[in-house]
Amino acid sequence: MNELLLIVLAYFIGSIPTALIISKVFFHIDIRDYGSGNMGATNTFRVLGSKFGTIVMICDILKGMIAVALYCFLPHYLTDEWDRTNLMVGLGLAAVIGHIFPIFAQFRGGKGVATLFGMILTVQPVIAASCVGVFLLVLFLTRYVSLSSILAGIALPICVLWIWNDDVTLYRVFAVLVAIMIILTHQKNIIKILRGSESRVPIFKARDRRKLNRK
């Protein structure tokens, strides 16, 4: 029963509509009416700029981290590593679902990548760092946040199943499902990338200006 209450609380934490709150408070708009219509960090970067996109990304990551940390309220899980990992995964998934289908925003949320990263960062920080490395490298090379998210998501099961060979069954299954979920939620982005119409985020303006000056 206590576990169920924490999972419900984790869902509510994930449902906090960070991008929607910021867009309404500072710009008096609904972020979902612009850009991709998505309530996530990527669309916030595109519509509101890198400053507010970064704020939204950090807040969404914190949602995943805080949700996973709720296990601390149950003393049993402080000493049992196996059960703790299973509960942490359950809490994190509840937060991700809350972000994608937020009860506080008519169940129209984001794609859950930042919240998912916050969850993984708390459960397995080394693996999370590896996925971040993939994300940042792809972002630096392409400036496609969507492609960076997809490849970072695919890197997760590779790290869990083969590189670090984690032996927690639920975590292994979770890693595979995450990769599949990220690919499915980015289908439109994949089509746009293949067509060459996907938007690039203006993160490396100085680098791009140098390239233009050389031409």
N, C-alpha and C. Protein backbone atom coordinates (compact mmCIF):
# COMPACT_ATOMS: atom_id res chain seq x y z
N MET A 1 0.83 -1.20 0.00
CA MET A 1 0.00 0.00 0.00
C MET A 1 0.87 1.26 0.00
N ASN A 2 1.91 1.28 0.86
CA ASN A 2 2.79 2.45 0.89
C ASN A 2 3.49 2.66 -0.45
N GLU A 3 3.89 1.54 -1.08
CA GLU A 3 4.54 1.63 -2.38
C GLU A 3 3.59 2.24 -3.41
N LEU A 4 2.34 1.83 -3.37
CA LEU A 4 1.35 2.35 -4.32
C LEU A 4 1.16 3.85 -4.14
N LEU A 5 1.11 4.31 -2.90
CA LEU A 5 0.95 5.73 -2.64
C LEU A 5 2.14 6.53 -3.18
N LEU A 6 3.34 5.98 -3.01
CA LEU A 6 4.53 6.66 -3.52
C LEU A 6 4.53 6.71 -5.05
N ILE A 7 4.07 5.64 -5.68
CA ILE A 7 4.00 5.60 -7.14
C ILE A 7 3.00 6.64 -7.65
N VAL A 8 1.87 6.78 -6.96
CA VAL A 8 0.88 7.79 -7.32
C VAL A 8 1.48 9.19 -7.15
N LEU A 9 2.21 9.39 -6.05
CA LEU A 9 2.86 10.68 -5.81
C LEU A 9 3.90 10.97 -6.89
N ALA A 10 4.64 9.93 -7.30
CA ALA A 10 5.63 10.09 -8.36
C ALA A 10 4.96 10.52 -9.66
N TYR A 11 3.79 9.96 -9.93
CA TYR A 11 3.04 10.35 -11.13
C TYR A 11 2.66 11.83 -11.07
N PHE A 12 2.20 12.28 -9.90
CA PHE A 12 1.82 13.69 -9.75
C PHE A 12 3.03 14.61 -9.91
N ILE A 13 4.19 14.17 -9.41
CA ILE A 13 5.41 14.97 -9.57
C ILE A 13 5.75 15.08 -11.06
N GLY A 14 5.67 13.96 -11.77
CA GLY A 14 5.94 13.97 -13.20
C GLY A 14 4.94 14.81 -13.97
N SER A 15 3.74 14.96 -13.43
CA SER A 15 2.67 15.70 -14.12
C SER A 15 2.82 17.21 -14.02
N ILE A 16 3.75 17.70 -13.20
CA ILE A 16 3.93 19.15 -13.09
C ILE A 16 4.34 19.69 -14.46
N PRO A 17 3.53 20.52 -15.08
CA PRO A 17 3.77 20.96 -16.46
C PRO A 17 4.74 22.14 -16.53
N THR A 18 6.01 21.87 -16.37
CA THR A 18 7.02 22.93 -16.28
C THR A 18 6.97 23.88 -17.47
N ALA A 19 7.00 23.33 -18.68
CA ALA A 19 7.02 24.17 -19.88
C ALA A 19 5.75 25.00 -20.00
N LEU A 20 4.62 24.41 -19.64
CA LEU A 20 3.35 25.13 -19.73
C LEU A 20 3.32 26.28 -18.73
N ILE A 21 3.79 26.03 -17.52
CA ILE A 21 3.82 27.08 -16.49
C ILE A 21 4.69 28.25 -16.94
N ILE A 22 5.89 27.95 -17.43
CA ILE A 22 6.81 29.00 -17.85
C ILE A 22 6.25 29.77 -19.04
N SER A 23 5.66 29.06 -20.00
CA SER A 23 5.13 29.75 -21.19
C SER A 23 3.97 30.68 -20.83
N LYS A 24 3.15 30.27 -19.86
CA LYS A 24 2.02 31.09 -19.46
C LYS A 24 2.44 32.26 -18.58
N VAL A 25 3.37 32.01 -17.64
CA VAL A 25 3.78 33.06 -16.70
C VAL A 25 4.60 34.14 -17.40
N PHE A 26 5.55 33.74 -18.25
CA PHE A 26 6.49 34.70 -18.84
C PHE A 26 6.08 35.18 -20.23
N PHE A 27 5.29 34.38 -20.95
CA PHE A 27 4.96 34.76 -22.33
C PHE A 27 3.45 34.83 -22.59
N HIS A 28 2.66 34.40 -21.61
CA HIS A 28 1.20 34.43 -21.72
C HIS A 28 0.70 33.62 -22.93
N ILE A 29 1.35 32.50 -23.18
CA ILE A 29 0.94 31.60 -24.26
C ILE A 29 0.90 30.18 -23.74
N ASP A 30 0.29 29.29 -24.51
CA ASP A 30 0.34 27.86 -24.24
C ASP A 30 1.37 27.27 -25.19
N ILE A 31 2.47 26.78 -24.64
CA ILE A 31 3.58 26.26 -25.46
C ILE A 31 3.11 25.21 -26.45
N ARG A 32 2.00 24.52 -26.11
CA ARG A 32 1.51 23.44 -26.98
C ARG A 32 0.82 23.97 -28.24
N ASP A 33 0.60 25.28 -28.30
CA ASP A 33 0.00 25.87 -29.50
C ASP A 33 1.05 26.31 -30.51
N TYR A 34 2.33 26.05 -30.19
CA TYR A 34 3.41 26.53 -31.05
C TYR A 34 4.40 25.40 -31.33
N GLY A 35 5.18 25.60 -32.39
CA GLY A 35 6.21 24.62 -32.72
C GLY A 35 5.63 23.25 -33.01
N SER A 36 6.17 22.26 -32.32
CA SER A 36 5.72 20.88 -32.52
C SER A 36 4.45 20.56 -31.74
N GLY A 37 4.00 21.52 -30.91
CA GLY A 37 2.82 21.27 -30.08
C GLY A 37 3.13 20.41 -28.88
N ASN A 38 4.41 20.25 -28.60
CA ASN A 38 4.85 19.37 -27.53
C ASN A 38 5.20 20.17 -26.28
N MET A 39 4.91 19.63 -25.11
CA MET A 39 5.20 20.32 -23.86
C MET A 39 6.48 19.76 -23.24
N GLY A 40 7.57 19.93 -23.97
CA GLY A 40 8.84 19.41 -23.48
C GLY A 40 9.96 20.41 -23.69
N ALA A 41 11.16 20.03 -23.27
CA ALA A 41 12.30 20.94 -23.35
C ALA A 41 12.67 21.27 -24.79
N THR A 42 12.58 20.29 -25.69
CA THR A 42 12.98 20.52 -27.08
C THR A 42 12.12 21.60 -27.72
N ASN A 43 10.81 21.50 -27.56
CA ASN A 43 9.93 22.50 -28.14
C ASN A 43 10.10 23.85 -27.45
N THR A 44 10.42 23.83 -26.17
CA THR A 44 10.66 25.08 -25.45
C THR A 44 11.90 25.77 -25.98
N PHE A 45 12.94 24.99 -26.27
CA PHE A 45 14.14 25.56 -26.89
C PHE A 45 13.77 26.27 -28.19
N ARG A 46 12.94 25.62 -29.01
CA ARG A 46 12.60 26.16 -30.32
C ARG A 46 11.74 27.42 -30.20
N VAL A 47 10.76 27.38 -29.30
CA VAL A 47 9.76 28.45 -29.23
C VAL A 47 10.19 29.59 -28.32
N LEU A 48 10.73 29.27 -27.14
CA LEU A 48 11.03 30.29 -26.14
C LEU A 48 12.51 30.63 -26.03
N GLY A 49 13.36 29.86 -26.70
CA GLY A 49 14.78 30.15 -26.67
C GLY A 49 15.57 29.26 -25.72
N SER A 50 16.89 29.35 -25.82
CA SER A 50 17.77 28.44 -25.06
C SER A 50 17.70 28.67 -23.55
N LYS A 51 17.49 29.92 -23.11
CA LYS A 51 17.43 30.20 -21.67
C LYS A 51 16.29 29.45 -21.01
N PHE A 52 15.09 29.62 -21.55
CA PHE A 52 13.92 28.97 -20.94
C PHE A 52 13.90 27.47 -21.27
N GLY A 53 14.46 27.10 -22.41
CA GLY A 53 14.57 25.68 -22.73
C GLY A 53 15.45 24.95 -21.73
N THR A 54 16.54 25.60 -21.33
CA THR A 54 17.44 25.01 -20.34
C THR A 54 16.75 24.89 -18.99
N ILE A 55 16.01 25.92 -18.61
CA ILE A 55 15.28 25.88 -17.33
C ILE A 55 14.29 24.73 -17.32
N VAL A 56 13.54 24.59 -18.40
CA VAL A 56 12.55 23.51 -18.49
C VAL A 56 13.24 22.15 -18.44
N MET A 57 14.35 22.01 -19.15
CA MET A 57 15.07 20.74 -19.16
C MET A 57 15.54 20.36 -17.76
N ILE A 58 16.12 21.33 -17.05
CA ILE A 58 16.60 21.06 -15.69
C ILE A 58 15.45 20.67 -14.77
N CYS A 59 14.35 21.39 -14.86
CA CYS A 59 13.18 21.10 -14.01
C CYS A 59 12.62 19.72 -14.32
N ASP A 60 12.57 19.37 -15.59
CA ASP A 60 12.03 18.06 -15.97
C ASP A 60 12.96 16.93 -15.52
N ILE A 61 14.27 17.18 -15.57
CA ILE A 61 15.22 16.19 -15.04
C ILE A 61 15.02 16.01 -13.54
N LEU A 62 14.84 17.13 -12.84
CA LEU A 62 14.64 17.07 -11.39
C LEU A 62 13.37 16.31 -11.03
N LYS A 63 12.34 16.39 -11.88
CA LYS A 63 11.11 15.63 -11.61
C LYS A 63 11.41 14.14 -11.53
N GLY A 64 12.21 13.65 -12.46
CA GLY A 64 12.57 12.24 -12.45
C GLY A 64 13.41 11.87 -11.24
N MET A 65 14.35 12.74 -10.89
CA MET A 65 15.24 12.46 -9.75
C MET A 65 14.47 12.46 -8.43
N ILE A 66 13.60 13.45 -8.26
CA ILE A 66 12.82 13.54 -7.01
C ILE A 66 11.87 12.36 -6.88
N ALA A 67 11.24 11.99 -7.99
CA ALA A 67 10.29 10.87 -7.95
C ALA A 67 11.00 9.58 -7.53
N VAL A 68 12.17 9.31 -8.11
CA VAL A 68 12.91 8.10 -7.77
C VAL A 68 13.36 8.12 -6.32
N ALA A 69 13.73 9.29 -5.81
CA ALA A 69 14.24 9.41 -4.44
C ALA A 69 13.15 9.19 -3.39
N LEU A 70 11.90 9.06 -3.81
CA LEU A 70 10.82 8.83 -2.84
C LEU A 70 10.98 7.50 -2.10
N TYR A 71 11.79 6.57 -2.65
CA TYR A 71 11.98 5.28 -1.98
C TYR A 71 12.54 5.47 -0.57
N CYS A 72 13.19 6.61 -0.32
CA CYS A 72 13.81 6.86 0.99
C CYS A 72 12.79 6.90 2.12
N PHE A 73 11.52 7.10 1.78
CA PHE A 73 10.48 7.16 2.81
C PHE A 73 10.10 5.78 3.35
N LEU A 74 10.59 4.73 2.71
CA LEU A 74 10.30 3.37 3.17
C LEU A 74 11.61 2.72 3.63
N PRO A 75 11.80 2.54 4.95
CA PRO A 75 13.07 2.07 5.51
C PRO A 75 13.57 0.75 4.91
N HIS A 76 12.66 -0.15 4.56
CA HIS A 76 13.07 -1.46 4.03
C HIS A 76 13.97 -1.31 2.80
N TYR A 77 13.65 -0.33 1.96
CA TYR A 77 14.36 -0.19 0.68
C TYR A 77 15.73 0.47 0.83
N LEU A 78 16.03 0.96 2.02
CA LEU A 78 17.34 1.55 2.26
C LEU A 78 18.41 0.49 2.40
N THR A 79 18.01 -0.75 2.71
CA THR A 79 18.98 -1.82 2.96
C THR A 79 18.92 -2.94 1.93
N ASP A 80 17.83 -3.07 1.19
CA ASP A 80 17.67 -4.15 0.21
C ASP A 80 17.89 -3.59 -1.20
N GLU A 81 19.06 -3.85 -1.78
CA GLU A 81 19.41 -3.24 -3.07
C GLU A 81 18.51 -3.71 -4.19
N TRP A 82 18.18 -5.02 -4.22
CA TRP A 82 17.36 -5.56 -5.30
C TRP A 82 15.97 -4.93 -5.30
N ASP A 83 15.32 -4.96 -4.14
CA ASP A 83 13.99 -4.36 -4.04
C ASP A 83 14.04 -2.86 -4.29
N ARG A 84 15.10 -2.21 -3.82
CA ARG A 84 15.23 -0.77 -4.00
C ARG A 84 15.29 -0.40 -5.48
N THR A 85 16.08 -1.15 -6.25
CA THR A 85 16.20 -0.86 -7.68
C THR A 85 14.86 -1.04 -8.38
N ASN A 86 14.14 -2.11 -8.02
CA ASN A 86 12.83 -2.34 -8.63
C ASN A 86 11.86 -1.21 -8.32
N LEU A 87 11.85 -0.76 -7.05
CA LEU A 87 10.95 0.33 -6.68
C LEU A 87 11.37 1.64 -7.36
N MET A 88 12.65 1.89 -7.44
CA MET A 88 13.14 3.11 -8.08
C MET A 88 12.72 3.16 -9.55
N VAL A 89 12.82 2.01 -10.22
CA VAL A 89 12.38 1.95 -11.62
C VAL A 89 10.88 2.22 -11.72
N GLY A 90 10.11 1.63 -10.81
CA GLY A 90 8.65 1.85 -10.81
C GLY A 90 8.30 3.31 -10.56
N LEU A 91 8.97 3.94 -9.61
CA LEU A 91 8.73 5.35 -9.31
C LEU A 91 9.11 6.24 -10.50
N GLY A 92 10.25 5.93 -11.10
CA GLY A 92 10.69 6.71 -12.24
C GLY A 92 9.75 6.59 -13.42
N LEU A 93 9.28 5.37 -13.68
CA LEU A 93 8.33 5.17 -14.78
C LEU A 93 7.04 5.94 -14.54
N ALA A 94 6.59 5.97 -13.27
CA ALA A 94 5.37 6.72 -12.94
C ALA A 94 5.56 8.20 -13.24
N ALA A 95 6.74 8.73 -12.94
CA ALA A 95 7.02 10.14 -13.22
C ALA A 95 7.07 10.41 -14.72
N VAL A 96 7.67 9.50 -15.47
CA VAL A 96 7.75 9.65 -16.93
C VAL A 96 6.35 9.62 -17.54
N ILE A 97 5.52 8.69 -17.08
CA ILE A 97 4.14 8.61 -17.56
C ILE A 97 3.40 9.90 -17.21
N GLY A 98 3.67 10.42 -16.00
CA GLY A 98 3.05 11.68 -15.60
C GLY A 98 3.46 12.83 -16.51
N HIS A 99 4.72 12.83 -16.94
CA HIS A 99 5.18 13.89 -17.83
C HIS A 99 4.53 13.77 -19.22
N ILE A 100 4.39 12.55 -19.70
CA ILE A 100 3.79 12.33 -21.03
C ILE A 100 2.28 12.56 -21.00
N PHE A 101 1.65 12.11 -19.92
CA PHE A 101 0.19 12.26 -19.77
C PHE A 101 -0.12 12.97 -18.45
N PRO A 102 0.16 14.28 -18.38
CA PRO A 102 0.02 15.01 -17.12
C PRO A 102 -1.44 15.32 -16.75
N ILE A 103 -1.81 14.95 -15.56
CA ILE A 103 -3.17 15.20 -15.11
C ILE A 103 -3.42 16.70 -14.95
N PHE A 104 -2.36 17.49 -14.74
CA PHE A 104 -2.50 18.93 -14.54
C PHE A 104 -2.52 19.71 -15.87
N ALA A 105 -2.43 19.00 -17.00
CA ALA A 105 -2.39 19.68 -18.30
C ALA A 105 -3.18 18.92 -19.35
N GLN A 106 -4.36 18.45 -18.96
CA GLN A 106 -5.28 17.76 -19.86
C GLN A 106 -4.64 16.55 -20.55
N PHE A 107 -3.66 15.93 -19.87
CA PHE A 107 -2.99 14.72 -20.36
C PHE A 107 -2.25 14.95 -21.68
N ARG A 108 -1.89 16.20 -21.96
CA ARG A 108 -1.11 16.54 -23.16
C ARG A 108 0.26 17.05 -22.71
N GLY A 109 1.22 16.15 -22.63
CA GLY A 109 2.52 16.52 -22.12
C GLY A 109 3.63 16.45 -23.13
N GLY A 110 4.84 16.13 -22.66
CA GLY A 110 6.00 16.02 -23.53
C GLY A 110 6.32 14.57 -23.83
N LYS A 111 7.53 14.34 -24.30
CA LYS A 111 7.93 12.98 -24.68
C LYS A 111 8.67 12.26 -23.55
N GLY A 112 8.96 12.96 -22.47
CA GLY A 112 9.49 12.31 -21.27
C GLY A 112 10.98 12.05 -21.25
N VAL A 113 11.73 12.54 -22.22
CA VAL A 113 13.15 12.20 -22.29
C VAL A 113 13.92 12.80 -21.12
N ALA A 114 13.70 14.09 -20.81
CA ALA A 114 14.43 14.73 -19.71
C ALA A 114 14.08 14.09 -18.36
N THR A 115 12.79 13.82 -18.14
CA THR A 115 12.38 13.17 -16.89
C THR A 115 12.95 11.77 -16.80
N LEU A 116 12.98 11.09 -17.93
CA LEU A 116 13.58 9.75 -18.00
C LEU A 116 15.06 9.80 -17.65
N PHE A 117 15.75 10.82 -18.15
CA PHE A 117 17.16 10.95 -17.83
C PHE A 117 17.37 11.18 -16.34
N GLY A 118 16.51 12.02 -15.73
CA GLY A 118 16.61 12.24 -14.29
C GLY A 118 16.43 10.97 -13.50
N MET A 119 15.54 10.13 -13.98
CA MET A 119 15.32 8.83 -13.34
C MET A 119 16.57 7.96 -13.43
N ILE A 120 17.13 7.84 -14.65
CA ILE A 120 18.30 6.99 -14.85
C ILE A 120 19.50 7.54 -14.10
N LEU A 121 19.62 8.87 -14.03
CA LEU A 121 20.71 9.50 -13.31
C LEU A 121 20.70 9.10 -11.84
N THR A 122 19.52 8.92 -11.27
CA THR A 122 19.41 8.54 -9.87
C THR A 122 19.60 7.04 -9.66
N VAL A 123 19.09 6.24 -10.59
CA VAL A 123 19.19 4.78 -10.47
C VAL A 123 20.59 4.30 -10.82
N GLN A 124 21.12 4.76 -11.96
CA GLN A 124 22.42 4.32 -12.45
C GLN A 124 23.18 5.51 -13.01
N PRO A 125 23.86 6.30 -12.17
CA PRO A 125 24.50 7.52 -12.63
C PRO A 125 25.58 7.31 -13.70
N VAL A 126 26.33 6.20 -13.64
CA VAL A 126 27.38 5.95 -14.63
C VAL A 126 26.77 5.72 -16.01
N ILE A 127 25.71 4.91 -16.05
CA ILE A 127 25.03 4.66 -17.31
C ILE A 127 24.39 5.94 -17.83
N ALA A 128 23.82 6.73 -16.94
CA ALA A 128 23.22 8.01 -17.34
C ALA A 128 24.27 8.93 -17.95
N ALA A 129 25.45 8.95 -17.35
CA ALA A 129 26.53 9.79 -17.88
C ALA A 129 26.93 9.34 -19.29
N SER A 130 26.91 8.04 -19.53
CA SER A 130 27.25 7.52 -20.85
C SER A 130 26.22 7.98 -21.88
N CYS A 131 24.94 7.90 -21.50
CA CYS A 131 23.87 8.34 -22.41
C CYS A 131 23.95 9.84 -22.67
N VAL A 132 24.32 10.60 -21.64
CA VAL A 132 24.48 12.04 -21.82
C VAL A 132 25.61 12.33 -22.80
N GLY A 133 26.69 11.55 -22.68
CA GLY A 133 27.81 11.71 -23.61
C GLY A 133 27.37 11.52 -25.05
N VAL A 134 26.55 10.49 -25.29
CA VAL A 134 26.03 10.25 -26.63
C VAL A 134 25.15 11.41 -27.07
N PHE A 135 24.27 11.85 -26.17
CA PHE A 135 23.36 12.96 -26.48
C PHE A 135 24.12 14.22 -26.87
N LEU A 136 25.10 14.59 -26.06
CA LEU A 136 25.84 15.84 -26.30
C LEU A 136 26.68 15.76 -27.57
N LEU A 137 27.26 14.60 -27.83
CA LEU A 137 28.07 14.44 -29.03
C LEU A 137 27.22 14.61 -30.29
N VAL A 138 26.07 13.92 -30.30
CA VAL A 138 25.18 14.01 -31.46
C VAL A 138 24.63 15.43 -31.60
N LEU A 139 24.30 16.06 -30.47
CA LEU A 139 23.78 17.42 -30.51
C LEU A 139 24.82 18.39 -31.05
N PHE A 140 26.07 18.21 -30.64
CA PHE A 140 27.14 19.08 -31.11
C PHE A 140 27.34 18.92 -32.61
N LEU A 141 27.25 17.69 -33.09
CA LEU A 141 27.50 17.42 -34.50
C LEU A 141 26.33 17.81 -35.40
N THR A 142 25.09 17.68 -34.87
CA THR A 142 23.92 17.86 -35.74
C THR A 142 22.99 18.99 -35.34
N ARG A 143 22.97 19.33 -34.05
CA ARG A 143 22.02 20.30 -33.48
C ARG A 143 20.58 19.80 -33.57
N TYR A 144 20.39 18.51 -33.76
CA TYR A 144 19.07 17.90 -33.70
C TYR A 144 18.86 17.34 -32.30
N VAL A 145 17.99 17.95 -31.50
CA VAL A 145 17.71 17.41 -30.17
C VAL A 145 17.00 16.07 -30.29
N SER A 146 16.11 15.95 -31.27
CA SER A 146 15.37 14.71 -31.45
C SER A 146 16.30 13.54 -31.76
N LEU A 147 17.22 13.73 -32.70
CA LEU A 147 18.16 12.67 -33.05
C LEU A 147 19.07 12.35 -31.87
N SER A 148 19.47 13.37 -31.13
CA SER A 148 20.31 13.15 -29.95
C SER A 148 19.57 12.31 -28.92
N SER A 149 18.28 12.60 -28.73
CA SER A 149 17.47 11.85 -27.77
C SER A 149 17.30 10.40 -28.21
N ILE A 150 17.06 10.20 -29.50
CA ILE A 150 16.86 8.85 -30.02
C ILE A 150 18.12 8.00 -29.82
N LEU A 151 19.26 8.54 -30.20
CA LEU A 151 20.51 7.77 -30.10
C LEU A 151 20.92 7.56 -28.64
N ALA A 152 20.64 8.54 -27.79
CA ALA A 152 20.92 8.36 -26.36
C ALA A 152 20.02 7.27 -25.78
N GLY A 153 18.76 7.23 -26.25
CA GLY A 153 17.84 6.19 -25.80
C GLY A 153 18.28 4.80 -26.24
N ILE A 154 18.78 4.70 -27.46
CA ILE A 154 19.29 3.42 -27.96
C ILE A 154 20.55 3.01 -27.20
N ALA A 155 21.34 4.00 -26.77
CA ALA A 155 22.56 3.71 -26.02
C ALA A 155 22.26 3.09 -24.66
N LEU A 156 21.07 3.39 -24.11
CA LEU A 156 20.72 2.89 -22.78
C LEU A 156 20.73 1.37 -22.70
N PRO A 157 19.95 0.63 -23.53
CA PRO A 157 20.00 -0.83 -23.43
C PRO A 157 21.36 -1.40 -23.79
N ILE A 158 22.10 -0.73 -24.68
CA ILE A 158 23.44 -1.20 -25.01
C ILE A 158 24.33 -1.17 -23.77
N CYS A 159 24.22 -0.07 -23.00
CA CYS A 159 25.01 0.04 -21.77
C CYS A 159 24.56 -0.96 -20.71
N VAL A 160 23.24 -1.08 -20.55
CA VAL A 160 22.70 -1.95 -19.50
C VAL A 160 22.94 -3.43 -19.80
N LEU A 161 22.68 -3.84 -21.05
CA LEU A 161 22.72 -5.26 -21.39
C LEU A 161 24.13 -5.78 -21.69
N TRP A 162 24.98 -4.94 -22.28
CA TRP A 162 26.27 -5.45 -22.74
C TRP A 162 27.47 -4.80 -22.08
N ILE A 163 27.51 -3.48 -22.02
CA ILE A 163 28.72 -2.83 -21.50
C ILE A 163 28.87 -3.05 -20.00
N TRP A 164 27.79 -2.75 -19.22
CA TRP A 164 27.85 -2.96 -17.77
C TRP A 164 27.14 -4.24 -17.33
N ASN A 165 26.37 -4.83 -18.19
CA ASN A 165 25.73 -6.12 -17.93
C ASN A 165 25.02 -6.14 -16.58
N ASP A 166 24.10 -5.18 -16.38
CA ASP A 166 23.34 -5.10 -15.13
C ASP A 166 22.48 -6.34 -14.96
N ASP A 167 22.47 -6.93 -13.75
CA ASP A 167 21.78 -8.21 -13.54
C ASP A 167 20.37 -8.07 -12.98
N VAL A 168 19.85 -6.84 -12.83
CA VAL A 168 18.48 -6.65 -12.36
C VAL A 168 17.54 -6.78 -13.55
N THR A 169 16.72 -7.84 -13.54
CA THR A 169 15.89 -8.17 -14.70
C THR A 169 14.96 -7.03 -15.09
N LEU A 170 14.30 -6.43 -14.10
CA LEU A 170 13.37 -5.34 -14.38
C LEU A 170 14.08 -4.18 -15.05
N TYR A 171 15.29 -3.88 -14.61
CA TYR A 171 16.04 -2.77 -15.19
C TYR A 171 16.45 -3.07 -16.63
N ARG A 172 16.78 -4.35 -16.91
CA ARG A 172 17.15 -4.74 -18.28
C ARG A 172 15.94 -4.60 -19.22
N VAL A 173 14.79 -5.07 -18.73
CA VAL A 173 13.57 -4.96 -19.54
C VAL A 173 13.21 -3.50 -19.73
N PHE A 174 13.34 -2.74 -18.66
CA PHE A 174 13.03 -1.32 -18.71
C PHE A 174 13.90 -0.60 -19.76
N ALA A 175 15.18 -0.91 -19.80
CA ALA A 175 16.09 -0.25 -20.74
C ALA A 175 15.68 -0.49 -22.18
N VAL A 176 15.28 -1.72 -22.48
CA VAL A 176 14.83 -2.05 -23.84
C VAL A 176 13.54 -1.31 -24.17
N LEU A 177 12.61 -1.31 -23.23
CA LEU A 177 11.33 -0.63 -23.45
C LEU A 177 11.51 0.87 -23.63
N VAL A 178 12.46 1.45 -22.90
CA VAL A 178 12.73 2.88 -23.03
C VAL A 178 13.18 3.21 -24.45
N ALA A 179 14.10 2.41 -24.97
CA ALA A 179 14.60 2.63 -26.33
C ALA A 179 13.45 2.57 -27.34
N ILE A 180 12.59 1.57 -27.17
CA ILE A 180 11.45 1.42 -28.07
C ILE A 180 10.50 2.61 -27.94
N MET A 181 10.24 3.02 -26.69
CA MET A 181 9.33 4.14 -26.44
C MET A 181 9.85 5.42 -27.08
N ILE A 182 11.15 5.68 -26.93
CA ILE A 182 11.72 6.91 -27.48
C ILE A 182 11.63 6.92 -29.00
N ILE A 183 11.89 5.76 -29.61
CA ILE A 183 11.77 5.68 -31.07
C ILE A 183 10.33 5.91 -31.51
N LEU A 184 9.38 5.30 -30.79
CA LEU A 184 7.97 5.44 -31.16
C LEU A 184 7.48 6.88 -30.99
N THR A 185 7.89 7.54 -29.91
CA THR A 185 7.43 8.90 -29.66
C THR A 185 8.13 9.93 -30.55
N HIS A 186 9.18 9.50 -31.26
CA HIS A 186 9.90 10.41 -32.15
C HIS A 186 9.71 10.03 -33.62
N GLN A 187 8.64 9.31 -33.93
CA GLN A 187 8.43 8.88 -35.31
C GLN A 187 8.35 10.07 -36.27
N LYS A 188 7.60 11.10 -35.87
CA LYS A 188 7.47 12.28 -36.74
C LYS A 188 8.81 12.97 -36.93
N ASN A 189 9.61 13.00 -35.87
CA ASN A 189 10.93 13.63 -35.97
C ASN A 189 11.84 12.84 -36.91
N ILE A 190 11.74 11.51 -36.84
CA ILE A 190 12.56 10.67 -37.72
C ILE A 190 12.22 10.94 -39.18
N ILE A 191 10.92 11.05 -39.47
CA ILE A 191 10.49 11.34 -40.84
C ILE A 191 11.02 12.70 -41.29
N LYS A 192 10.94 13.70 -40.39
CA LYS A 192 11.43 15.04 -40.73
C LYS A 192 12.94 15.05 -40.96
N ILE A 193 13.66 14.28 -40.14
CA ILE A 193 15.12 14.21 -40.31
C ILE A 193 15.45 13.60 -41.67
N LEU A 194 14.76 12.53 -42.04
CA LEU A 194 14.99 11.89 -43.33
C LEU A 194 14.65 12.82 -44.49
N ARG A 195 13.64 13.68 -44.29
CA ARG A 195 13.24 14.63 -45.33
C ARG A 195 14.08 15.90 -45.32
N GLY A 196 14.86 16.07 -44.24
CA GLY A 196 15.67 17.28 -44.13
C GLY A 196 14.91 18.49 -43.64
N SER A 197 13.74 18.27 -43.04
CA SER A 197 12.91 19.39 -42.59
C SER A 197 12.85 19.53 -41.07
N GLU A 198 13.62 18.73 -40.36
CA GLU A 198 13.63 18.82 -38.90
C GLU A 198 14.34 20.10 -38.45
N SER A 199 13.76 20.75 -37.44
CA SER A 199 14.34 22.01 -36.94
C SER A 199 15.59 21.73 -36.11
N ARG A 200 16.57 22.58 -36.26
CA ARG A 200 17.78 22.51 -35.45
C ARG A 200 17.69 23.56 -34.34
N VAL A 201 18.19 23.23 -33.16
CA VAL A 201 18.11 24.17 -32.05
C VAL A 201 19.31 25.12 -32.10
N PRO A 202 19.09 26.41 -31.81
CA PRO A 202 20.16 27.41 -31.91
C PRO A 202 21.05 27.44 -30.68
N ILE A 203 21.74 26.33 -30.43
CA ILE A 203 22.58 26.24 -29.23
C ILE A 203 23.99 26.72 -29.51
N PHE A 204 24.51 26.36 -30.68
CA PHE A 204 25.91 26.68 -30.99
C PHE A 204 25.98 27.81 -32.01
N LYS A 205 25.41 28.96 -31.67
CA LYS A 205 25.35 30.08 -32.61
C LYS A 205 26.74 30.57 -33.01
N ALA A 206 27.64 30.65 -32.04
CA ALA A 206 28.99 31.14 -32.33
C ALA A 206 29.69 30.22 -33.31
N ARG A 207 29.55 28.91 -33.10
CA ARG A 207 30.18 27.95 -34.00
C ARG A 207 29.62 28.08 -35.40
N ASP A 208 28.31 28.24 -35.50
CA ASP A 208 27.67 28.34 -36.81
C ASP A 208 28.06 29.63 -37.53
N ARG A 209 28.21 30.71 -36.77
CA ARG A 209 28.63 31.96 -37.38
C ARG A 209 30.05 31.84 -37.96
N ARG A 210 30.93 31.12 -37.22
CA ARG A 210 32.29 30.93 -37.71
C ARG A 210 32.29 30.15 -39.01
N LYS A 211 31.42 29.15 -39.10
CA LYS A 211 31.34 28.34 -40.32
C LYS A 211 30.86 29.20 -41.49
N LEU A 212 29.87 30.07 -41.22
CA LEU A 212 29.35 30.91 -42.29
C LEU A 212 30.41 31.91 -42.76
N ASN A 213 31.21 32.41 -41.82
CA ASN A 213 32.23 33.39 -42.17
C ASN A 213 33.33 32.79 -43.03
N ARG A 214 33.54 31.46 -42.87
CA ARG A 214 34.57 30.81 -43.65
C ARG A 214 34.16 30.60 -45.10
N LYS A 215 32.80 30.60 -45.33
CA LYS A 215 32.30 30.30 -46.67
C LYS A 215 32.39 31.54 -47.59
